[in-house]
Amino acid sequence: MSKIAPSRAAQAPASYARRDLLVAALTSVATLAAPTWSTAAWAQVPAADASKRFLDLSSFLTGKNDLDPVIARRTLQALIASSKDFEQRYAALATACAAARQAGTLPDMAAFDTSPVSQDAALRATAVEIVSAWYLGRVGNGPSTQLIAYREALMYRPTAGITTVPSYQLGGYGYWVPKPVVPSAA
């Protein structure tokens, strides 16, 4: 069935059929490419159980049991994106930590330096990379640095309640409303 009324079909320019063909071809290409784009985008998002395992390992490595699961997911995603072999290194570290904990050679992070996990330079570097991401709130260096968390970075916890996070205001909300006191000229 033609889109053009029969009386106008005879007057339609010959390029109309080519336009339809071009639109159909572009639509087909877009349809075929869309699953590839969405698959590539979802491949970067870690699965929920992977995020949970990363959160558990991060809690052990940092000694903090109250780490934010959302930040854990973002951190894992950024670490995977920053290094092609991070997933393999992370899996090796998780396996080694689990084995050392089960053997009793790594009961907590106080024993990390003397544990077999710390003796392996690659495992130690991966552990430092994860702990650094949590304390600094970022992954990577230079132009490729990814900010994960700023205020929630663990480096601010020791002074929480005493000092404010840099670049945050020192006064409470609306501190700018009252007029400043002008010193008298006496």
N, C-alpha and C. Protein backbone atom coordinates (compact mmCIF):
# COMPACT_ATOMS: atom_id res chain seq x y z
N MET A 1 0.84 -1.17 0.00
CA MET A 1 0.00 0.00 0.00
C MET A 1 0.89 1.24 0.00
N SER A 2 0.61 2.15 -0.91
CA SER A 2 1.42 3.35 -1.04
C SER A 2 0.97 4.40 -0.05
N LYS A 3 1.91 5.24 0.42
CA LYS A 3 1.59 6.32 1.33
C LYS A 3 0.97 7.49 0.59
N ILE A 4 1.15 7.54 -0.70
CA ILE A 4 0.67 8.66 -1.50
C ILE A 4 -0.68 8.30 -2.09
N ALA A 5 -1.57 9.27 -2.06
CA ALA A 5 -2.88 9.05 -2.65
C ALA A 5 -2.71 8.73 -4.13
N PRO A 6 -3.62 7.90 -4.72
CA PRO A 6 -3.46 7.50 -6.12
C PRO A 6 -3.37 8.68 -7.07
N SER A 7 -4.10 9.76 -6.79
CA SER A 7 -4.06 10.89 -7.70
C SER A 7 -2.71 11.59 -7.66
N ARG A 8 -2.02 11.52 -6.49
CA ARG A 8 -0.72 12.19 -6.36
C ARG A 8 0.42 11.24 -6.67
N ALA A 9 0.16 9.93 -6.70
CA ALA A 9 1.22 8.96 -6.94
C ALA A 9 1.88 9.17 -8.29
N ALA A 10 1.06 9.53 -9.28
CA ALA A 10 1.62 9.74 -10.60
C ALA A 10 2.48 11.00 -10.65
N GLN A 11 2.17 11.97 -9.75
CA GLN A 11 2.92 13.22 -9.73
C GLN A 11 4.12 13.19 -8.79
N ALA A 12 4.26 12.13 -7.97
CA ALA A 12 5.34 12.07 -7.00
C ALA A 12 6.68 12.01 -7.72
N PRO A 13 7.65 12.73 -7.21
CA PRO A 13 8.96 12.70 -7.85
C PRO A 13 9.60 11.32 -7.69
N ALA A 14 10.48 11.00 -8.56
CA ALA A 14 11.13 9.69 -8.54
C ALA A 14 12.01 9.53 -7.31
N SER A 15 12.48 10.63 -6.70
CA SER A 15 13.35 10.55 -5.54
C SER A 15 12.61 10.11 -4.27
N TYR A 16 11.29 10.17 -4.29
CA TYR A 16 10.53 9.76 -3.11
C TYR A 16 10.83 8.31 -2.77
N ALA A 17 10.89 7.44 -3.72
CA ALA A 17 11.18 6.04 -3.47
C ALA A 17 12.60 5.89 -2.92
N ARG A 18 13.54 6.68 -3.42
CA ARG A 18 14.91 6.62 -2.91
C ARG A 18 14.96 7.11 -1.47
N ARG A 19 14.16 8.15 -1.15
CA ARG A 19 14.12 8.68 0.21
C ARG A 19 13.61 7.61 1.17
N ASP A 20 12.54 6.92 0.75
CA ASP A 20 12.02 5.84 1.59
C ASP A 20 13.07 4.75 1.82
N LEU A 21 13.78 4.42 0.75
CA LEU A 21 14.82 3.41 0.85
C LEU A 21 15.93 3.88 1.80
N LEU A 22 16.31 5.16 1.70
CA LEU A 22 17.35 5.69 2.57
C LEU A 22 16.91 5.68 4.03
N VAL A 23 15.66 6.10 4.29
CA VAL A 23 15.14 6.10 5.67
C VAL A 23 15.10 4.68 6.21
N ALA A 24 14.65 3.75 5.39
CA ALA A 24 14.58 2.36 5.83
C ALA A 24 15.97 1.81 6.11
N ALA A 25 16.93 2.17 5.27
CA ALA A 25 18.30 1.68 5.48
C ALA A 25 18.89 2.25 6.77
N LEU A 26 18.70 3.55 7.01
CA LEU A 26 19.22 4.17 8.24
C LEU A 26 18.53 3.61 9.48
N THR A 27 17.25 3.37 9.38
CA THR A 27 16.52 2.78 10.50
C THR A 27 17.04 1.38 10.80
N SER A 28 17.31 0.62 9.76
CA SER A 28 17.84 -0.74 9.95
C SER A 28 19.20 -0.71 10.62
N VAL A 29 20.05 0.20 10.17
CA VAL A 29 21.39 0.30 10.76
C VAL A 29 21.28 0.68 12.23
N ALA A 30 20.42 1.65 12.53
CA ALA A 30 20.25 2.08 13.92
C ALA A 30 19.70 0.96 14.78
N THR A 31 18.76 0.20 14.23
CA THR A 31 18.17 -0.92 14.97
C THR A 31 19.20 -2.01 15.24
N LEU A 32 20.05 -2.28 14.26
CA LEU A 32 21.06 -3.31 14.45
C LEU A 32 22.16 -2.86 15.41
N ALA A 33 22.48 -1.57 15.41
CA ALA A 33 23.55 -1.06 16.26
C ALA A 33 23.10 -0.81 17.68
N ALA A 34 21.84 -0.57 17.94
CA ALA A 34 21.36 -0.23 19.28
C ALA A 34 21.69 -1.28 20.31
N PRO A 35 21.46 -2.58 20.06
CA PRO A 35 21.83 -3.55 21.10
C PRO A 35 23.31 -3.53 21.42
N THR A 36 24.15 -3.25 20.44
CA THR A 36 25.59 -3.18 20.68
C THR A 36 25.92 -2.03 21.61
N TRP A 37 25.30 -0.86 21.36
CA TRP A 37 25.56 0.29 22.24
C TRP A 37 25.10 0.02 23.66
N SER A 38 23.89 -0.51 23.81
CA SER A 38 23.37 -0.74 25.15
C SER A 38 24.15 -1.84 25.86
N THR A 39 24.58 -2.86 25.15
CA THR A 39 25.38 -3.91 25.76
C THR A 39 26.70 -3.37 26.25
N ALA A 40 27.34 -2.53 25.44
CA ALA A 40 28.62 -1.94 25.85
C ALA A 40 28.44 -1.07 27.08
N ALA A 41 27.34 -0.32 27.15
CA ALA A 41 27.11 0.54 28.31
C ALA A 41 26.86 -0.28 29.56
N TRP A 42 26.09 -1.35 29.46
CA TRP A 42 25.79 -2.17 30.63
C TRP A 42 26.97 -3.03 31.05
N ALA A 43 27.88 -3.30 30.13
CA ALA A 43 29.04 -4.10 30.49
C ALA A 43 29.91 -3.38 31.50
N GLN A 44 29.84 -2.05 31.55
CA GLN A 44 30.66 -1.28 32.48
C GLN A 44 30.06 -1.24 33.89
N VAL A 45 28.78 -1.57 34.02
CA VAL A 45 28.14 -1.52 35.33
C VAL A 45 28.30 -2.88 36.00
N PRO A 46 28.95 -2.90 37.18
CA PRO A 46 29.13 -4.18 37.84
C PRO A 46 27.80 -4.74 38.34
N ALA A 47 27.72 -6.05 38.38
CA ALA A 47 26.51 -6.71 38.87
C ALA A 47 26.38 -6.46 40.37
N ALA A 48 25.16 -6.63 40.87
CA ALA A 48 24.90 -6.35 42.29
C ALA A 48 25.73 -7.24 43.20
N ASP A 49 25.87 -8.52 42.84
CA ASP A 49 26.65 -9.40 43.71
C ASP A 49 28.14 -9.07 43.65
N ALA A 50 28.61 -8.58 42.49
CA ALA A 50 30.01 -8.15 42.38
C ALA A 50 30.25 -6.92 43.25
N SER A 51 29.27 -6.01 43.26
CA SER A 51 29.38 -4.83 44.11
C SER A 51 29.38 -5.22 45.59
N LYS A 52 28.56 -6.19 45.95
CA LYS A 52 28.51 -6.65 47.34
C LYS A 52 29.83 -7.28 47.76
N ARG A 53 30.40 -8.11 46.87
CA ARG A 53 31.70 -8.72 47.19
C ARG A 53 32.79 -7.67 47.32
N PHE A 54 32.72 -6.65 46.43
CA PHE A 54 33.70 -5.56 46.50
C PHE A 54 33.52 -4.78 47.80
N LEU A 55 32.28 -4.55 48.19
CA LEU A 55 32.02 -3.84 49.45
C LEU A 55 32.55 -4.63 50.64
N ASP A 56 32.36 -5.95 50.62
CA ASP A 56 32.86 -6.78 51.72
C ASP A 56 34.39 -6.74 51.79
N LEU A 57 35.05 -6.86 50.64
CA LEU A 57 36.51 -6.81 50.63
C LEU A 57 36.99 -5.41 51.03
N SER A 58 36.30 -4.39 50.57
CA SER A 58 36.68 -3.01 50.92
C SER A 58 36.52 -2.78 52.42
N SER A 59 35.46 -3.32 53.01
CA SER A 59 35.27 -3.18 54.45
C SER A 59 36.41 -3.85 55.21
N PHE A 60 36.82 -5.01 54.74
CA PHE A 60 37.94 -5.69 55.39
C PHE A 60 39.23 -4.89 55.23
N LEU A 61 39.50 -4.42 54.01
CA LEU A 61 40.76 -3.71 53.74
C LEU A 61 40.84 -2.37 54.47
N THR A 62 39.72 -1.66 54.58
CA THR A 62 39.74 -0.35 55.23
C THR A 62 39.46 -0.44 56.73
N GLY A 63 38.90 -1.55 57.17
CA GLY A 63 38.54 -1.67 58.57
C GLY A 63 37.27 -0.91 58.91
N LYS A 64 36.51 -0.51 57.91
CA LYS A 64 35.27 0.25 58.11
C LYS A 64 34.08 -0.63 57.73
N ASN A 65 33.14 -0.77 58.65
CA ASN A 65 31.97 -1.60 58.39
C ASN A 65 30.77 -0.80 57.90
N ASP A 66 30.93 0.50 57.75
CA ASP A 66 29.80 1.33 57.35
C ASP A 66 30.02 2.00 55.99
N LEU A 67 30.71 1.33 55.11
CA LEU A 67 30.95 1.91 53.78
C LEU A 67 29.65 1.94 52.99
N ASP A 68 29.53 2.96 52.16
CA ASP A 68 28.32 3.18 51.36
C ASP A 68 28.30 2.23 50.16
N PRO A 69 27.23 1.43 50.01
CA PRO A 69 27.16 0.50 48.87
C PRO A 69 27.14 1.22 47.51
N VAL A 70 26.56 2.40 47.46
CA VAL A 70 26.51 3.14 46.19
C VAL A 70 27.92 3.59 45.80
N ILE A 71 28.66 4.06 46.77
CA ILE A 71 30.04 4.47 46.49
C ILE A 71 30.88 3.25 46.14
N ALA A 72 30.59 2.12 46.77
CA ALA A 72 31.32 0.88 46.44
C ALA A 72 31.09 0.51 44.98
N ARG A 73 29.85 0.61 44.53
CA ARG A 73 29.55 0.27 43.13
C ARG A 73 30.26 1.23 42.19
N ARG A 74 30.22 2.52 42.51
CA ARG A 74 30.90 3.51 41.66
C ARG A 74 32.41 3.29 41.65
N THR A 75 32.96 2.98 42.82
CA THR A 75 34.40 2.76 42.90
C THR A 75 34.81 1.55 42.08
N LEU A 76 34.07 0.46 42.22
CA LEU A 76 34.37 -0.74 41.44
C LEU A 76 34.26 -0.46 39.95
N GLN A 77 33.24 0.25 39.56
CA GLN A 77 33.05 0.59 38.15
C GLN A 77 34.22 1.43 37.64
N ALA A 78 34.66 2.40 38.44
CA ALA A 78 35.77 3.26 38.02
C ALA A 78 37.08 2.49 37.97
N LEU A 79 37.30 1.60 38.92
CA LEU A 79 38.53 0.80 38.92
C LEU A 79 38.56 -0.13 37.71
N ILE A 80 37.43 -0.72 37.37
CA ILE A 80 37.38 -1.59 36.19
C ILE A 80 37.63 -0.78 34.93
N ALA A 81 37.06 0.42 34.86
CA ALA A 81 37.24 1.26 33.68
C ALA A 81 38.67 1.79 33.56
N SER A 82 39.34 1.97 34.70
CA SER A 82 40.68 2.56 34.66
C SER A 82 41.76 1.56 34.30
N SER A 83 41.50 0.29 34.49
CA SER A 83 42.53 -0.72 34.23
C SER A 83 41.87 -1.97 33.66
N LYS A 84 42.37 -2.40 32.51
CA LYS A 84 41.76 -3.55 31.84
C LYS A 84 41.89 -4.84 32.64
N ASP A 85 42.95 -4.96 33.43
CA ASP A 85 43.15 -6.20 34.17
C ASP A 85 42.72 -6.09 35.64
N PHE A 86 41.99 -5.03 35.98
CA PHE A 86 41.62 -4.87 37.38
C PHE A 86 40.75 -6.02 37.87
N GLU A 87 39.79 -6.45 37.06
CA GLU A 87 38.90 -7.53 37.52
C GLU A 87 39.68 -8.78 37.88
N GLN A 88 40.69 -9.12 37.09
CA GLN A 88 41.50 -10.30 37.39
C GLN A 88 42.34 -10.08 38.65
N ARG A 89 42.91 -8.88 38.77
CA ARG A 89 43.72 -8.59 39.96
C ARG A 89 42.86 -8.56 41.21
N TYR A 90 41.66 -7.98 41.07
CA TYR A 90 40.74 -7.91 42.20
C TYR A 90 40.29 -9.32 42.62
N ALA A 91 39.99 -10.17 41.65
CA ALA A 91 39.58 -11.54 41.95
C ALA A 91 40.71 -12.31 42.64
N ALA A 92 41.94 -12.09 42.17
CA ALA A 92 43.08 -12.76 42.81
C ALA A 92 43.26 -12.27 44.24
N LEU A 93 43.09 -10.98 44.46
CA LEU A 93 43.21 -10.44 45.82
C LEU A 93 42.11 -10.98 46.73
N ALA A 94 40.88 -11.00 46.23
CA ALA A 94 39.77 -11.50 47.04
C ALA A 94 39.99 -12.96 47.40
N THR A 95 40.44 -13.75 46.44
CA THR A 95 40.70 -15.17 46.70
C THR A 95 41.83 -15.34 47.72
N ALA A 96 42.90 -14.58 47.54
CA ALA A 96 44.04 -14.67 48.46
C ALA A 96 43.65 -14.22 49.87
N CYS A 97 42.88 -13.16 49.98
CA CYS A 97 42.45 -12.68 51.30
C CYS A 97 41.55 -13.72 51.97
N ALA A 98 40.63 -14.29 51.21
CA ALA A 98 39.73 -15.31 51.77
C ALA A 98 40.52 -16.52 52.24
N ALA A 99 41.49 -16.95 51.45
CA ALA A 99 42.31 -18.11 51.84
C ALA A 99 43.15 -17.79 53.08
N ALA A 100 43.73 -16.60 53.12
CA ALA A 100 44.55 -16.21 54.27
C ALA A 100 43.70 -16.06 55.53
N ARG A 101 42.51 -15.55 55.39
CA ARG A 101 41.63 -15.41 56.55
C ARG A 101 41.19 -16.77 57.06
N GLN A 102 40.93 -17.68 56.11
CA GLN A 102 40.51 -19.02 56.51
C GLN A 102 41.67 -19.77 57.18
N ALA A 103 42.89 -19.52 56.71
CA ALA A 103 44.06 -20.17 57.29
C ALA A 103 44.48 -19.51 58.61
N GLY A 104 43.91 -18.36 58.90
CA GLY A 104 44.24 -17.68 60.14
C GLY A 104 45.47 -16.80 60.06
N THR A 105 46.00 -16.61 58.86
CA THR A 105 47.19 -15.77 58.73
C THR A 105 46.84 -14.30 58.50
N LEU A 106 45.56 -14.02 58.27
CA LEU A 106 45.12 -12.64 58.06
C LEU A 106 43.79 -12.43 58.78
N PRO A 107 43.84 -12.40 60.13
CA PRO A 107 42.58 -12.23 60.87
C PRO A 107 41.99 -10.84 60.71
N ASP A 108 42.85 -9.82 60.58
CA ASP A 108 42.40 -8.45 60.36
C ASP A 108 43.52 -7.69 59.66
N MET A 109 43.27 -6.43 59.38
CA MET A 109 44.26 -5.66 58.62
C MET A 109 45.51 -5.34 59.44
N ALA A 110 45.45 -5.48 60.75
CA ALA A 110 46.65 -5.26 61.55
C ALA A 110 47.73 -6.27 61.20
N ALA A 111 47.31 -7.44 60.71
CA ALA A 111 48.26 -8.49 60.34
C ALA A 111 48.58 -8.49 58.86
N PHE A 112 48.12 -7.50 58.14
CA PHE A 112 48.30 -7.50 56.68
C PHE A 112 49.77 -7.50 56.28
N ASP A 113 50.58 -6.66 56.91
CA ASP A 113 51.98 -6.54 56.49
C ASP A 113 52.76 -7.84 56.66
N THR A 114 52.37 -8.67 57.60
CA THR A 114 53.08 -9.93 57.80
C THR A 114 52.39 -11.11 57.13
N SER A 115 51.28 -10.87 56.47
CA SER A 115 50.53 -11.96 55.85
C SER A 115 51.13 -12.33 54.49
N PRO A 116 50.81 -13.53 53.99
CA PRO A 116 51.28 -13.92 52.66
C PRO A 116 50.69 -13.04 51.55
N VAL A 117 49.55 -12.45 51.79
CA VAL A 117 48.93 -11.58 50.79
C VAL A 117 49.81 -10.35 50.56
N SER A 118 50.32 -9.80 51.62
CA SER A 118 51.16 -8.60 51.51
C SER A 118 52.52 -8.90 50.88
N GLN A 119 52.97 -10.14 50.97
CA GLN A 119 54.27 -10.50 50.41
C GLN A 119 54.25 -10.53 48.89
N ASP A 120 53.08 -10.70 48.31
CA ASP A 120 52.92 -10.69 46.84
C ASP A 120 52.73 -9.24 46.41
N ALA A 121 53.67 -8.74 45.62
CA ALA A 121 53.66 -7.31 45.24
C ALA A 121 52.40 -6.94 44.45
N ALA A 122 51.93 -7.81 43.59
CA ALA A 122 50.75 -7.50 42.77
C ALA A 122 49.49 -7.43 43.64
N LEU A 123 49.37 -8.37 44.58
CA LEU A 123 48.20 -8.36 45.47
C LEU A 123 48.24 -7.13 46.37
N ARG A 124 49.41 -6.80 46.87
CA ARG A 124 49.55 -5.62 47.73
C ARG A 124 49.20 -4.35 46.96
N ALA A 125 49.67 -4.26 45.71
CA ALA A 125 49.37 -3.07 44.90
C ALA A 125 47.87 -2.93 44.64
N THR A 126 47.20 -4.04 44.42
CA THR A 126 45.75 -4.00 44.20
C THR A 126 45.03 -3.58 45.48
N ALA A 127 45.48 -4.09 46.62
CA ALA A 127 44.88 -3.70 47.90
C ALA A 127 45.09 -2.20 48.15
N VAL A 128 46.28 -1.71 47.87
CA VAL A 128 46.56 -0.28 48.05
C VAL A 128 45.70 0.56 47.10
N GLU A 129 45.50 0.07 45.89
CA GLU A 129 44.67 0.78 44.91
C GLU A 129 43.23 0.91 45.41
N ILE A 130 42.70 -0.14 45.99
CA ILE A 130 41.33 -0.12 46.51
C ILE A 130 41.23 0.80 47.73
N VAL A 131 42.16 0.67 48.65
CA VAL A 131 42.13 1.51 49.86
C VAL A 131 42.33 2.98 49.48
N SER A 132 43.21 3.26 48.54
CA SER A 132 43.43 4.64 48.10
C SER A 132 42.15 5.23 47.51
N ALA A 133 41.44 4.45 46.74
CA ALA A 133 40.19 4.94 46.15
C ALA A 133 39.19 5.33 47.23
N TRP A 134 39.12 4.53 48.28
CA TRP A 134 38.18 4.84 49.37
C TRP A 134 38.62 6.07 50.15
N TYR A 135 39.92 6.19 50.44
CA TYR A 135 40.38 7.31 51.26
C TYR A 135 40.43 8.62 50.47
N LEU A 136 40.82 8.56 49.22
CA LEU A 136 40.91 9.78 48.43
C LEU A 136 39.60 10.15 47.75
N GLY A 137 38.72 9.18 47.56
CA GLY A 137 37.45 9.45 46.90
C GLY A 137 37.59 9.58 45.39
N ARG A 138 38.67 9.11 44.86
CA ARG A 138 38.88 9.18 43.41
C ARG A 138 39.67 7.96 42.96
N VAL A 139 39.62 7.74 41.65
CA VAL A 139 40.36 6.64 41.03
C VAL A 139 41.18 7.21 39.90
N GLY A 140 42.43 6.83 39.84
CA GLY A 140 43.31 7.26 38.76
C GLY A 140 44.06 8.53 39.10
N ASN A 141 44.88 8.92 38.16
CA ASN A 141 45.69 10.13 38.30
C ASN A 141 45.65 10.92 37.01
N GLY A 142 45.92 12.20 37.12
CA GLY A 142 46.02 13.05 35.94
C GLY A 142 44.67 13.29 35.28
N PRO A 143 44.70 13.49 33.97
CA PRO A 143 43.46 13.82 33.26
C PRO A 143 42.40 12.72 33.30
N SER A 144 42.81 11.49 33.53
CA SER A 144 41.83 10.40 33.54
C SER A 144 41.26 10.12 34.93
N THR A 145 41.53 10.99 35.88
CA THR A 145 41.03 10.80 37.23
C THR A 145 39.51 10.83 37.27
N GLN A 146 38.92 9.88 37.97
CA GLN A 146 37.46 9.85 38.14
C GLN A 146 37.14 10.14 39.60
N LEU A 147 36.35 11.17 39.83
CA LEU A 147 35.91 11.50 41.18
C LEU A 147 34.75 10.60 41.54
N ILE A 148 34.88 9.90 42.65
CA ILE A 148 33.84 8.97 43.09
C ILE A 148 33.02 9.62 44.20
N ALA A 149 33.70 10.15 45.18
CA ALA A 149 33.03 10.79 46.31
C ALA A 149 33.96 11.88 46.82
N TYR A 150 33.40 12.95 47.29
CA TYR A 150 34.26 14.00 47.82
C TYR A 150 34.09 14.07 49.34
N ARG A 151 32.94 14.47 49.75
CA ARG A 151 32.68 14.63 51.17
C ARG A 151 32.72 13.29 51.90
N GLU A 152 32.39 12.22 51.20
CA GLU A 152 32.33 10.90 51.81
C GLU A 152 33.67 10.17 51.78
N ALA A 153 34.71 10.82 51.24
CA ALA A 153 36.03 10.18 51.22
C ALA A 153 36.47 9.91 52.65
N LEU A 154 37.08 8.75 52.86
CA LEU A 154 37.43 8.33 54.22
C LEU A 154 38.48 9.22 54.87
N MET A 155 39.23 9.97 54.10
CA MET A 155 40.29 10.80 54.68
C MET A 155 39.71 11.92 55.55
N TYR A 156 38.45 12.25 55.41
CA TYR A 156 37.87 13.32 56.21
C TYR A 156 37.28 12.82 57.52
N ARG A 157 37.16 11.51 57.70
CA ARG A 157 36.54 10.97 58.91
C ARG A 157 37.30 11.30 60.20
N PRO A 158 38.65 11.23 60.21
CA PRO A 158 39.34 11.49 61.49
C PRO A 158 39.06 12.88 62.05
N THR A 159 38.79 13.86 61.21
CA THR A 159 38.57 15.21 61.71
C THR A 159 37.11 15.64 61.60
N ALA A 160 36.22 14.71 61.32
CA ALA A 160 34.80 15.05 61.20
C ALA A 160 34.29 15.63 62.52
N GLY A 161 33.54 16.70 62.44
CA GLY A 161 33.01 17.35 63.62
C GLY A 161 33.94 18.41 64.18
N ILE A 162 35.18 18.42 63.72
CA ILE A 162 36.14 19.41 64.19
C ILE A 162 36.44 20.41 63.08
N THR A 163 36.70 19.88 61.90
CA THR A 163 36.95 20.74 60.75
C THR A 163 35.95 20.39 59.65
N THR A 164 35.74 21.34 58.77
CA THR A 164 34.84 21.07 57.65
C THR A 164 35.63 20.55 56.48
N VAL A 165 34.94 19.88 55.59
CA VAL A 165 35.57 19.40 54.37
C VAL A 165 35.97 20.62 53.55
N PRO A 166 37.21 20.68 53.06
CA PRO A 166 37.64 21.86 52.30
C PRO A 166 36.68 22.20 51.17
N SER A 167 36.47 23.47 50.97
CA SER A 167 35.60 24.07 49.96
C SER A 167 34.14 24.08 50.38
N TYR A 168 33.82 23.53 51.52
CA TYR A 168 32.46 23.65 52.04
C TYR A 168 32.42 24.86 52.95
N GLN A 169 31.26 25.49 53.04
CA GLN A 169 31.13 26.69 53.84
C GLN A 169 31.32 26.38 55.32
N LEU A 170 31.78 27.36 56.05
CA LEU A 170 32.01 27.17 57.48
C LEU A 170 30.77 27.45 58.30
N GLY A 171 29.87 28.30 57.80
CA GLY A 171 28.65 28.61 58.53
C GLY A 171 27.55 27.66 58.14
N GLY A 172 26.45 27.72 58.86
CA GLY A 172 25.30 26.88 58.54
C GLY A 172 24.52 27.46 57.37
N TYR A 173 23.44 26.78 57.00
CA TYR A 173 22.62 27.24 55.90
C TYR A 173 22.06 28.62 56.22
N GLY A 174 22.17 29.56 55.32
CA GLY A 174 21.63 30.90 55.49
C GLY A 174 22.52 31.83 56.30
N TYR A 175 23.77 31.45 56.49
CA TYR A 175 24.66 32.29 57.29
C TYR A 175 24.86 33.66 56.66
N TRP A 176 24.52 33.80 55.40
CA TRP A 176 24.74 35.06 54.69
C TRP A 176 23.57 36.04 54.85
N VAL A 177 22.46 35.64 55.45
CA VAL A 177 21.27 36.48 55.55
C VAL A 177 21.46 37.66 56.50
N PRO A 178 21.94 37.46 57.74
CA PRO A 178 22.09 38.62 58.62
C PRO A 178 23.16 39.58 58.07
N LYS A 179 22.89 40.85 58.23
CA LYS A 179 23.85 41.85 57.77
C LYS A 179 25.09 41.79 58.65
N PRO A 180 26.23 42.01 58.05
CA PRO A 180 27.46 41.99 58.85
C PRO A 180 27.50 43.19 59.80
N VAL A 181 28.15 43.00 60.90
CA VAL A 181 28.29 44.07 61.89
C VAL A 181 29.36 45.04 61.40
N VAL A 182 28.96 46.31 61.28
CA VAL A 182 29.90 47.33 60.83
C VAL A 182 30.56 47.94 62.07
N PRO A 183 31.87 47.94 62.11
CA PRO A 183 32.52 48.54 63.29
C PRO A 183 32.23 50.03 63.37
N SER A 184 32.02 50.50 64.60
CA SER A 184 31.72 51.92 64.77
C SER A 184 33.00 52.74 64.61
N ALA A 185 32.83 53.98 64.24
CA ALA A 185 33.96 54.86 63.97
C ALA A 185 34.41 55.61 65.22
N ALA A 186 34.11 55.11 66.39
CA ALA A 186 34.46 55.84 67.61
C ALA A 186 35.89 55.71 68.01
